[in-house]
Amino acid sequence: MKKYTYTLNIEGMKCGMCETHINDVFRRNFNIKSVKSSHFDNQTIVVTNEELDEEKITNLIKETGYELKGINRVEEEEKEGLFKRLFKKK
């Protein structure tokens, strides 16, 4: 299974509530594994098992009042854990 990590550069976050606002936007609009924002770094990191629509991301960030400065997407094969390998259907 593939894993996608999106690193977004977002300007306008000033506090922890801004981080929560951005995180909630991703949780409500996408099927994600995790999201973490930092107003200190002007950055949000989203991890998911599916590709996200970057145009939709751009529009949602803009609608919330923040400015998206860039998106970096990394795709990698997700490592299988011990239990997944042990109980894998053959």
Protein backbone atom coordinates (compact mmCIF):
# COMPACT_ATOMS: atom_id res chain seq x y z
CA MET A 1 0.00 0.00 0.00
CA LYS A 2 1.27 3.46 -0.84
CA LYS A 3 1.63 6.27 1.68
CA TYR A 4 1.57 9.92 0.68
CA THR A 5 3.06 12.69 2.80
CA TYR A 6 2.07 16.24 1.88
CA THR A 7 4.04 19.14 3.30
CA LEU A 8 2.20 22.42 2.86
CA ASN A 9 3.68 25.87 3.39
CA ILE A 10 0.85 27.99 4.77
CA GLU A 11 1.15 31.65 5.73
CA GLY A 12 -1.19 33.36 8.13
CA MET A 13 -1.27 30.88 11.03
CA LYS A 14 -0.52 32.87 14.21
CA CYS A 15 -1.46 30.55 17.07
CA GLY A 16 -2.57 27.10 18.17
CA MET A 17 -6.18 27.84 17.19
CA CYS A 18 -5.04 28.55 13.63
CA GLU A 19 -3.30 25.15 13.60
CA THR A 20 -6.50 23.48 14.84
CA HIS A 21 -8.54 25.29 12.18
CA ILE A 22 -6.31 24.00 9.38
CA ASN A 23 -6.21 20.47 10.84
CA ASP A 24 -10.02 20.39 11.04
CA VAL A 25 -10.29 21.40 7.37
CA PHE A 26 -8.26 18.34 6.38
CA ARG A 27 -10.11 15.98 8.71
CA ARG A 28 -13.52 17.12 7.39
CA ASN A 29 -12.67 17.09 3.68
CA PHE A 30 -10.22 14.22 3.17
CA ASN A 31 -9.70 10.65 4.32
CA ILE A 32 -6.34 11.07 6.07
CA LYS A 33 -4.19 9.11 8.51
CA SER A 34 -2.76 12.14 10.32
CA VAL A 35 -2.35 15.90 10.13
CA LYS A 36 -0.10 18.23 12.11
CA SER A 37 0.29 21.98 11.75
CA SER A 38 2.86 24.39 13.15
CA HIS A 39 2.33 28.14 13.13
CA PHE A 40 6.00 28.56 14.09
CA ASP A 41 7.12 26.81 10.88
CA ASN A 42 4.16 27.94 8.72
CA GLN A 43 3.76 24.29 7.83
CA THR A 44 1.17 21.53 7.77
CA ILE A 45 2.06 17.86 7.25
CA VAL A 46 -0.66 15.49 6.06
CA VAL A 47 -0.23 11.71 5.80
CA THR A 48 -2.72 9.65 3.79
CA ASN A 49 -3.08 6.40 1.86
CA GLU A 50 -4.49 8.14 -1.21
CA GLU A 51 -3.53 11.06 -3.39
CA LEU A 52 -5.22 14.32 -2.51
CA ASP A 53 -6.67 16.81 -4.99
CA GLU A 54 -4.18 19.68 -4.82
CA GLU A 55 -6.63 22.13 -6.41
CA LYS A 56 -9.16 21.30 -3.68
CA ILE A 57 -6.47 21.80 -1.03
CA THR A 58 -5.62 25.21 -2.50
CA ASN A 59 -9.27 26.30 -2.55
CA LEU A 60 -9.98 25.09 0.99
CA ILE A 61 -6.93 26.87 2.42
CA LYS A 62 -7.91 30.06 0.61
CA GLU A 63 -11.50 29.81 1.92
CA THR A 64 -10.20 29.62 5.50
CA GLY A 65 -8.32 32.90 5.09
CA TYR A 66 -4.78 31.54 4.98
CA GLU A 67 -2.35 31.60 2.05
CA LEU A 68 -0.93 28.40 0.58
CA LYS A 69 2.61 29.06 -0.62
CA GLY A 70 3.53 25.57 -1.77
CA ILE A 71 2.82 21.84 -1.68
CA ASN A 72 5.42 19.09 -1.62
CA ARG A 73 4.18 15.50 -2.05
CA VAL A 74 6.27 12.42 -1.26
CA GLU A 75 5.03 8.98 -2.29
CA GLU A 76 6.43 5.82 -0.75
CA GLU A 77 5.54 2.21 -0.17
CA GLU A 78 4.21 1.73 3.34
CA LYS A 79 6.19 -0.80 5.32
CA GLU A 80 4.35 -3.87 6.49
CA GLY A 81 4.47 -4.56 10.20
CA LEU A 82 5.14 -7.96 11.74
CA PHE A 83 1.47 -8.75 12.43
CA LYS A 84 0.40 -7.73 8.94
CA ARG A 85 2.97 -10.11 7.44
CA LEU A 86 2.02 -12.94 9.82
CA PHE A 87 -1.71 -12.74 9.09
CA LYS A 88 -1.52 -11.85 5.40
CA LYS A 89 -3.96 -13.81 3.26
CA LYS A 90 -2.24 -15.98 0.68
